[in-house]
Amino acid sequence: MGFDDQALKLLAGLYLFASLITVLVYAVDKSAAISGRRRIREDTLHFLALLGGWPGAIIAQNLLRHKTRKQPFRGVFIMTIFLNCGALAWMLSPYGIEVLQSAF
């Protein structure tokens, strides 16, 4: 038993959507940092990464050169990646699939 193609496409779409939103939020934060406007909370950036936007966060960090040197931020960010990947691995495991299918 496993995820069907439609469920995998939906999951991929959710990661893509979360990543696109995350890139946009990073761009807004970078712009605010440059112009001295109010910044986006780091908790918000971490929450977006945790929800599946971490691939977009990595892209934004590299393209915008934003949030790449602040070590406390980087440490928490790496933890969000591990937590998200762990949740994804559980969802794709036989037990996770069974739980999710019974919930929906």
N, C-alpha and C. Protein backbone atom coordinates (compact mmCIF):
# COMPACT_ATOMS: atom_id res chain seq x y z
N MET A 1 0.85 -1.17 0.00
CA MET A 1 0.00 0.00 0.00
C MET A 1 0.90 1.24 0.00
N GLY A 2 0.57 2.24 -0.76
CA GLY A 2 1.35 3.47 -0.79
C GLY A 2 0.49 4.62 -1.28
N PHE A 3 1.11 5.76 -1.36
CA PHE A 3 0.42 6.93 -1.88
C PHE A 3 0.13 6.72 -3.36
N ASP A 4 -1.01 7.16 -3.81
CA ASP A 4 -1.28 7.09 -5.24
C ASP A 4 -0.66 8.31 -5.92
N ASP A 5 -0.66 8.29 -7.25
CA ASP A 5 -0.03 9.38 -8.01
C ASP A 5 -0.66 10.73 -7.70
N GLN A 6 -1.96 10.76 -7.53
CA GLN A 6 -2.64 12.02 -7.26
C GLN A 6 -2.19 12.62 -5.92
N ALA A 7 -2.05 11.77 -4.91
CA ALA A 7 -1.61 12.25 -3.59
C ALA A 7 -0.17 12.76 -3.66
N LEU A 8 0.69 12.07 -4.41
CA LEU A 8 2.08 12.52 -4.55
C LEU A 8 2.15 13.84 -5.30
N LYS A 9 1.32 14.00 -6.32
CA LYS A 9 1.29 15.27 -7.06
C LYS A 9 0.80 16.41 -6.16
N LEU A 10 -0.19 16.12 -5.33
CA LEU A 10 -0.69 17.12 -4.39
C LEU A 10 0.40 17.51 -3.39
N LEU A 11 1.11 16.53 -2.87
CA LEU A 11 2.19 16.79 -1.93
C LEU A 11 3.30 17.62 -2.58
N ALA A 12 3.68 17.27 -3.80
CA ALA A 12 4.69 18.04 -4.53
C ALA A 12 4.21 19.46 -4.78
N GLY A 13 2.93 19.60 -5.11
CA GLY A 13 2.36 20.93 -5.34
C GLY A 13 2.37 21.77 -4.06
N LEU A 14 2.11 21.13 -2.93
CA LEU A 14 2.14 21.85 -1.65
C LEU A 14 3.55 22.34 -1.33
N TYR A 15 4.55 21.51 -1.58
CA TYR A 15 5.94 21.93 -1.36
C TYR A 15 6.32 23.06 -2.31
N LEU A 16 5.89 22.97 -3.55
CA LEU A 16 6.18 24.03 -4.51
C LEU A 16 5.51 25.33 -4.10
N PHE A 17 4.25 25.27 -3.72
CA PHE A 17 3.52 26.46 -3.28
C PHE A 17 4.17 27.08 -2.05
N ALA A 18 4.49 26.25 -1.06
CA ALA A 18 5.12 26.74 0.16
C ALA A 18 6.48 27.37 -0.15
N SER A 19 7.20 26.78 -1.08
CA SER A 19 8.51 27.31 -1.45
C SER A 19 8.39 28.65 -2.17
N LEU A 20 7.41 28.77 -3.05
CA LEU A 20 7.21 30.05 -3.75
C LEU A 20 6.83 31.15 -2.77
N ILE A 21 5.93 30.85 -1.85
CA ILE A 21 5.54 31.84 -0.83
C ILE A 21 6.76 32.23 0.01
N THR A 22 7.55 31.24 0.37
CA THR A 22 8.73 31.49 1.19
C THR A 22 9.74 32.38 0.48
N VAL A 23 9.96 32.14 -0.81
CA VAL A 23 10.88 32.99 -1.58
C VAL A 23 10.36 34.43 -1.58
N LEU A 24 9.07 34.60 -1.79
CA LEU A 24 8.49 35.95 -1.79
C LEU A 24 8.65 36.64 -0.43
N VAL A 25 8.42 35.90 0.64
CA VAL A 25 8.54 36.48 1.98
C VAL A 25 10.00 36.85 2.27
N TYR A 26 10.93 36.01 1.87
CA TYR A 26 12.35 36.34 2.02
C TYR A 26 12.70 37.61 1.23
N ALA A 27 12.16 37.74 0.03
CA ALA A 27 12.44 38.92 -0.80
C ALA A 27 11.89 40.18 -0.13
N VAL A 28 10.70 40.08 0.43
CA VAL A 28 10.12 41.23 1.14
C VAL A 28 10.99 41.59 2.34
N ASP A 29 11.45 40.58 3.08
CA ASP A 29 12.29 40.83 4.25
C ASP A 29 13.63 41.44 3.84
N LYS A 30 14.21 40.97 2.76
CA LYS A 30 15.48 41.53 2.29
C LYS A 30 15.30 42.99 1.89
N SER A 31 14.22 43.27 1.19
CA SER A 31 13.92 44.64 0.80
C SER A 31 13.73 45.54 2.02
N ALA A 32 13.04 45.02 3.02
CA ALA A 32 12.82 45.78 4.26
C ALA A 32 14.15 46.03 4.97
N ALA A 33 15.04 45.04 4.96
CA ALA A 33 16.34 45.18 5.61
C ALA A 33 17.16 46.28 4.93
N ILE A 34 17.10 46.32 3.61
CA ILE A 34 17.87 47.31 2.85
C ILE A 34 17.33 48.72 3.09
N SER A 35 16.01 48.84 3.11
CA SER A 35 15.40 50.17 3.20
C SER A 35 15.11 50.62 4.63
N GLY A 36 15.41 49.78 5.61
CA GLY A 36 15.20 50.17 6.99
C GLY A 36 13.76 50.09 7.47
N ARG A 37 12.92 49.37 6.71
CA ARG A 37 11.52 49.20 7.12
C ARG A 37 11.41 48.06 8.12
N ARG A 38 10.19 47.90 8.63
CA ARG A 38 9.92 46.84 9.59
C ARG A 38 10.17 45.48 8.93
N ARG A 39 10.87 44.61 9.66
CA ARG A 39 11.28 43.30 9.15
C ARG A 39 10.23 42.24 9.43
N ILE A 40 10.34 41.14 8.74
CA ILE A 40 9.50 39.97 8.99
C ILE A 40 10.17 39.17 10.11
N ARG A 41 9.37 38.72 11.05
CA ARG A 41 9.91 37.97 12.19
C ARG A 41 10.60 36.69 11.73
N GLU A 42 11.70 36.38 12.38
CA GLU A 42 12.41 35.14 12.06
C GLU A 42 11.53 33.92 12.33
N ASP A 43 10.67 34.00 13.33
CA ASP A 43 9.74 32.90 13.61
C ASP A 43 8.86 32.60 12.40
N THR A 44 8.47 33.65 11.69
CA THR A 44 7.64 33.47 10.50
C THR A 44 8.42 32.75 9.41
N LEU A 45 9.67 33.14 9.22
CA LEU A 45 10.51 32.49 8.21
C LEU A 45 10.72 31.02 8.57
N HIS A 46 10.94 30.74 9.85
CA HIS A 46 11.12 29.35 10.28
C HIS A 46 9.83 28.55 10.12
N PHE A 47 8.70 29.16 10.42
CA PHE A 47 7.42 28.47 10.29
C PHE A 47 7.16 28.09 8.82
N LEU A 48 7.45 29.00 7.91
CA LEU A 48 7.29 28.70 6.49
C LEU A 48 8.19 27.55 6.06
N ALA A 49 9.42 27.54 6.56
CA ALA A 49 10.34 26.45 6.25
C ALA A 49 9.80 25.13 6.80
N LEU A 50 9.30 25.17 8.01
CA LEU A 50 8.77 23.97 8.65
C LEU A 50 7.57 23.41 7.88
N LEU A 51 6.76 24.28 7.31
CA LEU A 51 5.59 23.85 6.55
C LEU A 51 5.93 23.25 5.18
N GLY A 52 7.19 23.28 4.81
CA GLY A 52 7.58 22.72 3.52
C GLY A 52 8.21 23.74 2.59
N GLY A 53 8.37 24.95 3.06
CA GLY A 53 8.96 25.99 2.22
C GLY A 53 10.48 26.05 2.30
N TRP A 54 11.10 25.09 2.97
CA TRP A 54 12.55 25.13 3.13
C TRP A 54 13.31 25.06 1.81
N PRO A 55 12.85 24.34 0.77
CA PRO A 55 13.60 24.43 -0.49
C PRO A 55 13.61 25.86 -1.04
N GLY A 56 12.48 26.54 -0.95
CA GLY A 56 12.41 27.93 -1.39
C GLY A 56 13.27 28.84 -0.53
N ALA A 57 13.35 28.54 0.77
CA ALA A 57 14.19 29.33 1.67
C ALA A 57 15.66 29.19 1.28
N ILE A 58 16.08 27.99 0.96
CA ILE A 58 17.47 27.79 0.54
C ILE A 58 17.75 28.57 -0.74
N ILE A 59 16.83 28.51 -1.68
CA ILE A 59 17.00 29.26 -2.94
C ILE A 59 17.06 30.75 -2.65
N ALA A 60 16.14 31.25 -1.84
CA ALA A 60 16.10 32.67 -1.53
C ALA A 60 17.36 33.12 -0.79
N GLN A 61 17.82 32.31 0.15
CA GLN A 61 19.02 32.66 0.89
C GLN A 61 20.21 32.80 -0.05
N ASN A 62 20.32 31.91 -1.01
CA ASN A 62 21.44 31.96 -1.94
C ASN A 62 21.29 33.07 -2.98
N LEU A 63 20.09 33.22 -3.54
CA LEU A 63 19.89 34.25 -4.56
C LEU A 63 19.97 35.66 -3.99
N LEU A 64 19.38 35.85 -2.82
CA LEU A 64 19.29 37.18 -2.23
C LEU A 64 20.43 37.47 -1.25
N ARG A 65 21.23 36.45 -0.97
CA ARG A 65 22.30 36.58 0.05
C ARG A 65 21.70 37.13 1.34
N HIS A 66 20.67 36.44 1.78
CA HIS A 66 19.90 36.89 2.94
C HIS A 66 19.81 35.77 3.96
N LYS A 67 20.12 36.09 5.22
CA LYS A 67 20.05 35.14 6.33
C LYS A 67 21.05 34.00 6.16
N THR A 68 22.21 34.30 5.58
CA THR A 68 23.20 33.24 5.34
C THR A 68 24.31 33.24 6.37
N ARG A 69 24.49 34.34 7.11
CA ARG A 69 25.61 34.42 8.05
C ARG A 69 25.19 34.40 9.51
N LYS A 70 23.96 34.62 9.80
CA LYS A 70 23.49 34.69 11.19
C LYS A 70 23.34 33.27 11.74
N GLN A 71 24.33 32.83 12.53
CA GLN A 71 24.39 31.44 12.97
C GLN A 71 23.20 30.97 13.80
N PRO A 72 22.68 31.75 14.75
CA PRO A 72 21.50 31.24 15.47
C PRO A 72 20.33 30.97 14.52
N PHE A 73 20.12 31.84 13.55
CA PHE A 73 19.05 31.63 12.57
C PHE A 73 19.32 30.35 11.78
N ARG A 74 20.55 30.17 11.33
CA ARG A 74 20.91 29.01 10.51
C ARG A 74 20.68 27.70 11.28
N GLY A 75 21.03 27.70 12.55
CA GLY A 75 20.85 26.48 13.34
C GLY A 75 19.39 26.09 13.46
N VAL A 76 18.53 27.05 13.74
CA VAL A 76 17.09 26.77 13.83
C VAL A 76 16.56 26.38 12.46
N PHE A 77 17.03 27.05 11.42
CA PHE A 77 16.59 26.74 10.07
C PHE A 77 16.91 25.29 9.71
N ILE A 78 18.10 24.85 10.02
CA ILE A 78 18.49 23.47 9.73
C ILE A 78 17.60 22.49 10.50
N MET A 79 17.24 22.85 11.72
CA MET A 79 16.33 21.99 12.49
C MET A 79 14.96 21.91 11.83
N THR A 80 14.47 23.03 11.24
CA THR A 80 13.17 22.97 10.57
C THR A 80 13.22 22.03 9.38
N ILE A 81 14.36 21.99 8.70
CA ILE A 81 14.51 21.07 7.56
C ILE A 81 14.42 19.63 8.05
N PHE A 82 15.17 19.32 9.11
CA PHE A 82 15.14 17.95 9.65
C PHE A 82 13.74 17.56 10.13
N LEU A 83 13.07 18.48 10.82
CA LEU A 83 11.72 18.19 11.30
C LEU A 83 10.75 17.96 10.15
N ASN A 84 10.83 18.81 9.12
CA ASN A 84 9.94 18.66 7.98
C ASN A 84 10.22 17.35 7.25
N CYS A 85 11.49 17.05 7.03
CA CYS A 85 11.83 15.79 6.34
C CYS A 85 11.43 14.57 7.15
N GLY A 86 11.56 14.67 8.47
CA GLY A 86 11.11 13.57 9.33
C GLY A 86 9.61 13.36 9.22
N ALA A 87 8.86 14.47 9.22
CA ALA A 87 7.41 14.37 9.07
C ALA A 87 7.04 13.79 7.71
N LEU A 88 7.75 14.22 6.68
CA LEU A 88 7.50 13.69 5.34
C LEU A 88 7.80 12.20 5.27
N ALA A 89 8.92 11.79 5.86
CA ALA A 89 9.27 10.36 5.86
C ALA A 89 8.20 9.55 6.59
N TRP A 90 7.70 10.09 7.71
CA TRP A 90 6.65 9.39 8.44
C TRP A 90 5.39 9.28 7.58
N MET A 91 5.02 10.40 6.90
CA MET A 91 3.81 10.38 6.06
C MET A 91 3.92 9.36 4.94
N LEU A 92 5.12 9.14 4.44
CA LEU A 92 5.32 8.20 3.34
C LEU A 92 5.58 6.77 3.82
N SER A 93 5.69 6.58 5.13
CA SER A 93 5.88 5.23 5.67
C SER A 93 4.54 4.49 5.66
N PRO A 94 4.60 3.17 5.70
CA PRO A 94 3.34 2.41 5.72
C PRO A 94 2.43 2.82 6.88
N TYR A 95 2.99 3.05 8.07
CA TYR A 95 2.16 3.44 9.21
C TYR A 95 1.57 4.83 8.98
N GLY A 96 2.38 5.75 8.50
CA GLY A 96 1.89 7.10 8.24
C GLY A 96 0.80 7.12 7.20
N ILE A 97 0.99 6.36 6.14
CA ILE A 97 -0.03 6.29 5.09
C ILE A 97 -1.34 5.74 5.66
N GLU A 98 -1.23 4.71 6.48
CA GLU A 98 -2.44 4.12 7.08
C GLU A 98 -3.17 5.15 7.96
N VAL A 99 -2.43 5.87 8.78
CA VAL A 99 -3.03 6.87 9.65
C VAL A 99 -3.68 7.98 8.82
N LEU A 100 -2.97 8.46 7.81
CA LEU A 100 -3.50 9.55 6.99
C LEU A 100 -4.73 9.10 6.21
N GLN A 101 -4.69 7.88 5.68
CA GLN A 101 -5.85 7.40 4.93
C GLN A 101 -7.07 7.21 5.82
N SER A 102 -6.87 6.80 7.06
CA SER A 102 -8.00 6.62 7.95
C SER A 102 -8.54 8.00 8.41
N ALA A 103 -7.68 9.00 8.41
CA ALA A 103 -8.12 10.35 8.81
C ALA A 103 -8.89 11.04 7.69
N PHE A 104 -8.58 10.70 6.47
CA PHE A 104 -9.25 11.35 5.34
C PHE A 104 -10.05 10.32 4.62
